[in-house]
Amino acid sequence: MFEPEKFNDAIARVETRALPIPFGNSKYQIDGIVAESQTPERAYRNLLLNFEQRFQDLKRASINRRKSENKVAQIKRQIAGESDKLQQEALMLEIEEIVCGWEYENKLAADCIEELKYMQGMIEKLPEYSRDDFEAAENRYFELKHSGKVNLALPEAIKQSTIKLLEES
């Protein structure tokens, strides 16, 4: 029978090493969202879309955690009223199964928060574009995309101007 508690020390050492490593997107990957956008307006939009997606992920994770905490509380109440030792053990195993992934979920949530902070900083450094601004820039975006003169990667001049815009703000 597999007994994970025999590996607690080794697992704890590895988990400690994993904490500072992003399991979500790295800052470099988030920078790629900007780099692949072709126009500052598209960079802004893509950052907003990614920010919103990650924020929704974090909210769903929070709701799921609260649901599982509630389930654990219900099971503990059942255990307190249960006289059959075998049934108590079965209920304790249910709790163990529910909580076994919480540390990993905490790490993923922390990574998500770091991503959100980084994207928020980038978003706040860009101008606040209106819908009209964005729509007006779409023609330029599609001209660049379909001209054959540039590939789908952000042209270096636009990339540098976007980076400069971010740094100056």
C-alpha atoms as a PDB file:
ATOM      1  CA  MET A   1       0.000   0.000   0.000  1.00  0.00           C
ATOM      2  CA  PHE A   2       1.226   3.468  -0.900  1.00  0.00           C
ATOM      3  CA  GLU A   3       1.799   5.596   2.178  1.00  0.00           C
ATOM      4  CA  PRO A   4       2.387   9.203   1.107  1.00  0.00           C
ATOM      5  CA  GLU A   5       3.181  10.320   4.648  1.00  0.00           C
ATOM      6  CA  LYS A   6       6.499   8.424   4.324  1.00  0.00           C
ATOM      7  CA  PHE A   7       7.481  11.020   1.723  1.00  0.00           C
ATOM      8  CA  ASN A   8       6.351  14.127   3.615  1.00  0.00           C
ATOM      9  CA  ASP A   9       9.851  15.546   4.117  1.00  0.00           C
ATOM     10  CA  ALA A  10      10.891  15.016   0.507  1.00  0.00           C
ATOM     11  CA  ILE A  11       7.605  16.393  -0.795  1.00  0.00           C
ATOM     12  CA  ALA A  12       7.858  19.438   1.496  1.00  0.00           C
ATOM     13  CA  ARG A  13      11.365  20.195   0.179  1.00  0.00           C
ATOM     14  CA  VAL A  14      10.197  19.992  -3.440  1.00  0.00           C
ATOM     15  CA  GLU A  15       7.076  22.046  -2.734  1.00  0.00           C
ATOM     16  CA  THR A  16       9.224  24.720  -1.088  1.00  0.00           C
ATOM     17  CA  ARG A  17      11.296  24.911  -4.274  1.00  0.00           C
ATOM     18  CA  ALA A  18       8.142  25.152  -6.387  1.00  0.00           C
ATOM     19  CA  LEU A  19       6.678  28.139  -4.529  1.00  0.00           C
ATOM     20  CA  PRO A  20       8.674  30.886  -6.290  1.00  0.00           C
ATOM     21  CA  ILE A  21       8.306  29.307  -9.758  1.00  0.00           C
ATOM     22  CA  PRO A  22       5.289  30.495 -11.756  1.00  0.00           C
ATOM     23  CA  PHE A  23       2.985  27.637 -12.713  1.00  0.00           C
ATOM     24  CA  GLY A  24       0.793  30.120 -14.572  1.00  0.00           C
ATOM     25  CA  ASN A  25       2.216  32.581 -17.102  1.00  0.00           C
ATOM     26  CA  SER A  26       5.656  34.040 -16.499  1.00  0.00           C
ATOM     27  CA  LYS A  27       6.251  37.766 -16.925  1.00  0.00           C
ATOM     28  CA  TYR A  28       8.015  36.907 -20.184  1.00  0.00           C
ATOM     29  CA  GLN A  29       4.885  35.135 -21.437  1.00  0.00           C
ATOM     30  CA  ILE A  30       2.726  38.076 -20.422  1.00  0.00           C
ATOM     31  CA  ASP A  31       5.152  40.390 -22.242  1.00  0.00           C
ATOM     32  CA  GLY A  32       4.536  38.164 -25.264  1.00  0.00           C
ATOM     33  CA  ILE A  33       0.871  39.160 -25.142  1.00  0.00           C
ATOM     34  CA  VAL A  34       2.049  42.704 -25.835  1.00  0.00           C
ATOM     35  CA  ALA A  35       4.723  41.646 -28.327  1.00  0.00           C
ATOM     36  CA  GLU A  36       2.284  39.675 -30.479  1.00  0.00           C
ATOM     37  CA  SER A  37      -0.379  42.364 -30.568  1.00  0.00           C
ATOM     38  CA  GLN A  38       0.933  44.484 -33.501  1.00  0.00           C
ATOM     39  CA  THR A  39      -0.680  47.714 -32.258  1.00  0.00           C
ATOM     40  CA  PRO A  40      -0.819  49.375 -28.834  1.00  0.00           C
ATOM     41  CA  GLU A  41      -4.623  49.182 -28.956  1.00  0.00           C
ATOM     42  CA  ARG A  42      -4.469  45.423 -29.559  1.00  0.00           C
ATOM     43  CA  ALA A  43      -1.906  45.065 -26.760  1.00  0.00           C
ATOM     44  CA  TYR A  44      -4.303  46.911 -24.440  1.00  0.00           C
ATOM     45  CA  ARG A  45      -7.221  44.708 -25.504  1.00  0.00           C
ATOM     46  CA  ASN A  46      -5.220  41.492 -25.169  1.00  0.00           C
ATOM     47  CA  LEU A  47      -3.987  42.469 -21.720  1.00  0.00           C
ATOM     48  CA  LEU A  48      -7.539  43.301 -20.638  1.00  0.00           C
ATOM     49  CA  LEU A  49      -8.846  39.983 -21.997  1.00  0.00           C
ATOM     50  CA  ASN A  50      -6.115  37.986 -20.269  1.00  0.00           C
ATOM     51  CA  PHE A  51      -6.556  39.942 -17.044  1.00  0.00           C
ATOM     52  CA  GLU A  52     -10.299  39.295 -17.035  1.00  0.00           C
ATOM     53  CA  GLN A  53      -9.830  35.584 -17.772  1.00  0.00           C
ATOM     54  CA  ARG A  54      -7.338  35.125 -14.948  1.00  0.00           C
ATOM     55  CA  PHE A  55      -9.514  37.176 -12.576  1.00  0.00           C
ATOM     56  CA  GLN A  56     -12.520  34.980 -13.387  1.00  0.00           C
ATOM     57  CA  ASP A  57     -10.345  31.891 -12.793  1.00  0.00           C
ATOM     58  CA  LEU A  58      -9.370  33.251  -9.384  1.00  0.00           C
ATOM     59  CA  LYS A  59     -12.993  34.032  -8.472  1.00  0.00           C
ATOM     60  CA  ARG A  60     -14.121  30.516  -9.481  1.00  0.00           C
ATOM     61  CA  ALA A  61     -11.275  29.003  -7.464  1.00  0.00           C
ATOM     62  CA  SER A  62     -12.338  31.063  -4.445  1.00  0.00           C
ATOM     63  CA  ILE A  63     -15.942  29.914  -4.775  1.00  0.00           C
ATOM     64  CA  ASN A  64     -14.858  26.287  -5.153  1.00  0.00           C
ATOM     65  CA  ARG A  65     -12.671  26.581  -2.067  1.00  0.00           C
ATOM     66  CA  ARG A  66     -15.550  27.981  -0.023  1.00  0.00           C
ATOM     67  CA  LYS A  67     -17.776  25.140  -1.240  1.00  0.00           C
ATOM     68  CA  SER A  68     -15.200  22.539  -0.238  1.00  0.00           C
ATOM     69  CA  GLU A  69     -14.669  24.210   3.156  1.00  0.00           C
ATOM     70  CA  ASN A  70     -18.414  24.061   3.668  1.00  0.00           C
ATOM     71  CA  LYS A  71     -18.431  20.377   2.706  1.00  0.00           C
ATOM     72  CA  VAL A  72     -15.646  19.674   5.226  1.00  0.00           C
ATOM     73  CA  ALA A  73     -17.634  21.434   7.961  1.00  0.00           C
ATOM     74  CA  GLN A  74     -20.697  19.318   7.100  1.00  0.00           C
ATOM     75  CA  ILE A  75     -18.663  16.111   7.212  1.00  0.00           C
ATOM     76  CA  LYS A  76     -17.134  17.082  10.564  1.00  0.00           C
ATOM     77  CA  ARG A  77     -20.657  17.538  11.900  1.00  0.00           C
ATOM     78  CA  GLN A  78     -21.524  14.052  10.613  1.00  0.00           C
ATOM     79  CA  ILE A  79     -18.430  12.598  12.288  1.00  0.00           C
ATOM     80  CA  ALA A  80     -19.391  14.176  15.611  1.00  0.00           C
ATOM     81  CA  GLY A  81     -22.770  12.469  15.478  1.00  0.00           C
ATOM     82  CA  GLU A  82     -21.480   9.127  14.227  1.00  0.00           C
ATOM     83  CA  SER A  83     -20.856   6.274  16.659  1.00  0.00           C
ATOM     84  CA  ASP A  84     -19.663   3.690  14.125  1.00  0.00           C
ATOM     85  CA  LYS A  85     -15.837   3.891  14.024  1.00  0.00           C
ATOM     86  CA  LEU A  86     -15.695   2.527  10.464  1.00  0.00           C
ATOM     87  CA  GLN A  87     -18.121   5.182   9.264  1.00  0.00           C
ATOM     88  CA  GLN A  88     -16.123   7.861  11.106  1.00  0.00           C
ATOM     89  CA  GLU A  89     -12.965   6.680   9.310  1.00  0.00           C
ATOM     90  CA  ALA A  90     -14.771   6.771   5.954  1.00  0.00           C
ATOM     91  CA  LEU A  91     -15.903  10.334   6.657  1.00  0.00           C
ATOM     92  CA  MET A  92     -12.388  11.378   7.727  1.00  0.00           C
ATOM     93  CA  LEU A  93     -11.069   9.966   4.456  1.00  0.00           C
ATOM     94  CA  GLU A  94     -13.605  12.126   2.594  1.00  0.00           C
ATOM     95  CA  ILE A  95     -12.178  15.164   4.357  1.00  0.00           C
ATOM     96  CA  GLU A  96      -8.638  14.095   3.559  1.00  0.00           C
ATOM     97  CA  GLU A  97      -9.565  13.690  -0.089  1.00  0.00           C
ATOM     98  CA  ILE A  98     -11.150  17.153  -0.195  1.00  0.00           C
ATOM     99  CA  VAL A  99      -8.254  18.982   1.459  1.00  0.00           C
ATOM    100  CA  CYS A 100      -5.349  17.107  -0.142  1.00  0.00           C
ATOM    101  CA  GLY A 101      -5.098  19.582  -3.028  1.00  0.00           C
ATOM    102  CA  TRP A 102      -5.518  22.773  -1.069  1.00  0.00           C
ATOM    103  CA  GLU A 103      -1.809  23.579  -0.794  1.00  0.00           C
ATOM    104  CA  TYR A 104      -1.395  23.232  -4.547  1.00  0.00           C
ATOM    105  CA  GLU A 105      -4.507  25.362  -5.117  1.00  0.00           C
ATOM    106  CA  ASN A 106      -3.031  27.996  -2.795  1.00  0.00           C
ATOM    107  CA  LYS A 107       0.139  28.046  -4.874  1.00  0.00           C
ATOM    108  CA  LEU A 108      -1.829  28.407  -8.123  1.00  0.00           C
ATOM    109  CA  ALA A 109      -3.914  31.218  -6.616  1.00  0.00           C
ATOM    110  CA  ALA A 110      -0.748  33.034  -5.490  1.00  0.00           C
ATOM    111  CA  ASP A 111       0.678  32.677  -9.012  1.00  0.00           C
ATOM    112  CA  CYS A 112      -2.551  34.002 -10.483  1.00  0.00           C
ATOM    113  CA  ILE A 113      -2.445  37.019  -8.172  1.00  0.00           C
ATOM    114  CA  GLU A 114       1.126  37.747  -9.311  1.00  0.00           C
ATOM    115  CA  GLU A 115       0.020  37.559 -12.953  1.00  0.00           C
ATOM    116  CA  LEU A 116      -2.869  39.914 -12.246  1.00  0.00           C
ATOM    117  CA  LYS A 117      -0.589  42.430 -10.497  1.00  0.00           C
ATOM    118  CA  TYR A 118       1.872  42.372 -13.391  1.00  0.00           C
ATOM    119  CA  MET A 119      -0.847  42.769 -16.026  1.00  0.00           C
ATOM    120  CA  GLN A 120      -2.521  45.519 -13.994  1.00  0.00           C
ATOM    121  CA  GLY A 121       0.753  47.445 -13.957  1.00  0.00           C
ATOM    122  CA  MET A 122       1.081  47.093 -17.721  1.00  0.00           C
ATOM    123  CA  ILE A 123      -2.556  48.051 -18.331  1.00  0.00           C
ATOM    124  CA  GLU A 124      -2.276  51.135 -16.137  1.00  0.00           C
ATOM    125  CA  LYS A 125       0.794  52.328 -18.052  1.00  0.00           C
ATOM    126  CA  LEU A 126      -0.997  52.215 -21.398  1.00  0.00           C
ATOM    127  CA  PRO A 127      -3.380  54.958 -22.477  1.00  0.00           C
ATOM    128  CA  GLU A 128      -7.026  54.294 -21.730  1.00  0.00           C
ATOM    129  CA  TYR A 129      -8.409  53.624 -25.176  1.00  0.00           C
ATOM    130  CA  SER A 130     -12.063  54.131 -25.982  1.00  0.00           C
ATOM    131  CA  ARG A 131     -14.077  51.798 -28.166  1.00  0.00           C
ATOM    132  CA  ASP A 132     -13.750  54.378 -30.966  1.00  0.00           C
ATOM    133  CA  ASP A 133      -9.945  54.447 -30.512  1.00  0.00           C
ATOM    134  CA  PHE A 134      -9.832  50.682 -30.709  1.00  0.00           C
ATOM    135  CA  GLU A 135     -12.134  50.496 -33.747  1.00  0.00           C
ATOM    136  CA  ALA A 136     -10.090  53.168 -35.536  1.00  0.00           C
ATOM    137  CA  ALA A 137      -6.885  51.174 -34.966  1.00  0.00           C
ATOM    138  CA  GLU A 138      -8.380  47.922 -36.238  1.00  0.00           C
ATOM    139  CA  ASN A 139      -7.880  48.964 -39.865  1.00  0.00           C
ATOM    140  CA  ARG A 140      -4.142  49.458 -39.212  1.00  0.00           C
ATOM    141  CA  TYR A 141      -3.972  46.124 -37.378  1.00  0.00           C
ATOM    142  CA  PHE A 142      -5.562  44.198 -40.259  1.00  0.00           C
ATOM    143  CA  GLU A 143      -3.510  46.057 -42.861  1.00  0.00           C
ATOM    144  CA  LEU A 144      -0.354  45.010 -41.028  1.00  0.00           C
ATOM    145  CA  LYS A 145      -1.608  41.486 -40.530  1.00  0.00           C
ATOM    146  CA  HIS A 146      -2.572  40.923 -44.160  1.00  0.00           C
ATOM    147  CA  SER A 147      -0.010  43.082 -45.970  1.00  0.00           C
ATOM    148  CA  GLY A 148       2.517  40.312 -46.268  1.00  0.00           C
ATOM    149  CA  LYS A 149       5.143  42.870 -45.300  1.00  0.00           C
ATOM    150  CA  VAL A 150       5.023  41.858 -41.668  1.00  0.00           C
ATOM    151  CA  ASN A 151       4.252  38.585 -39.996  1.00  0.00           C
ATOM    152  CA  LEU A 152       1.892  38.133 -37.088  1.00  0.00           C
ATOM    153  CA  ALA A 153       4.635  39.097 -34.626  1.00  0.00           C
ATOM    154  CA  LEU A 154       4.651  42.704 -33.503  1.00  0.00           C
ATOM    155  CA  PRO A 155       6.966  44.758 -35.719  1.00  0.00           C
ATOM    156  CA  GLU A 156      10.041  45.859 -33.778  1.00  0.00           C
ATOM    157  CA  ALA A 157       9.222  49.577 -34.079  1.00  0.00           C
ATOM    158  CA  ILE A 158       5.753  49.123 -32.606  1.00  0.00           C
ATOM    159  CA  LYS A 159       7.132  46.769 -29.970  1.00  0.00           C
ATOM    160  CA  GLN A 160       9.745  49.334 -28.934  1.00  0.00           C
ATOM    161  CA  SER A 161       7.240  52.197 -28.906  1.00  0.00           C
ATOM    162  CA  THR A 162       4.855  50.133 -26.755  1.00  0.00           C
ATOM    163  CA  ILE A 163       7.687  49.182 -24.388  1.00  0.00           C
ATOM    164  CA  LYS A 164       8.815  52.833 -24.275  1.00  0.00           C
ATOM    165  CA  LEU A 165       5.236  53.897 -23.542  1.00  0.00           C
ATOM    166  CA  LEU A 166       5.089  51.385 -20.709  1.00  0.00           C
ATOM    167  CA  GLU A 167       8.452  52.494 -19.287  1.00  0.00           C
ATOM    168  CA  GLU A 168       7.683  56.215 -19.460  1.00  0.00           C
ATOM    169  CA  SER A 169       4.423  55.966 -17.582  1.00  0.00           C
END
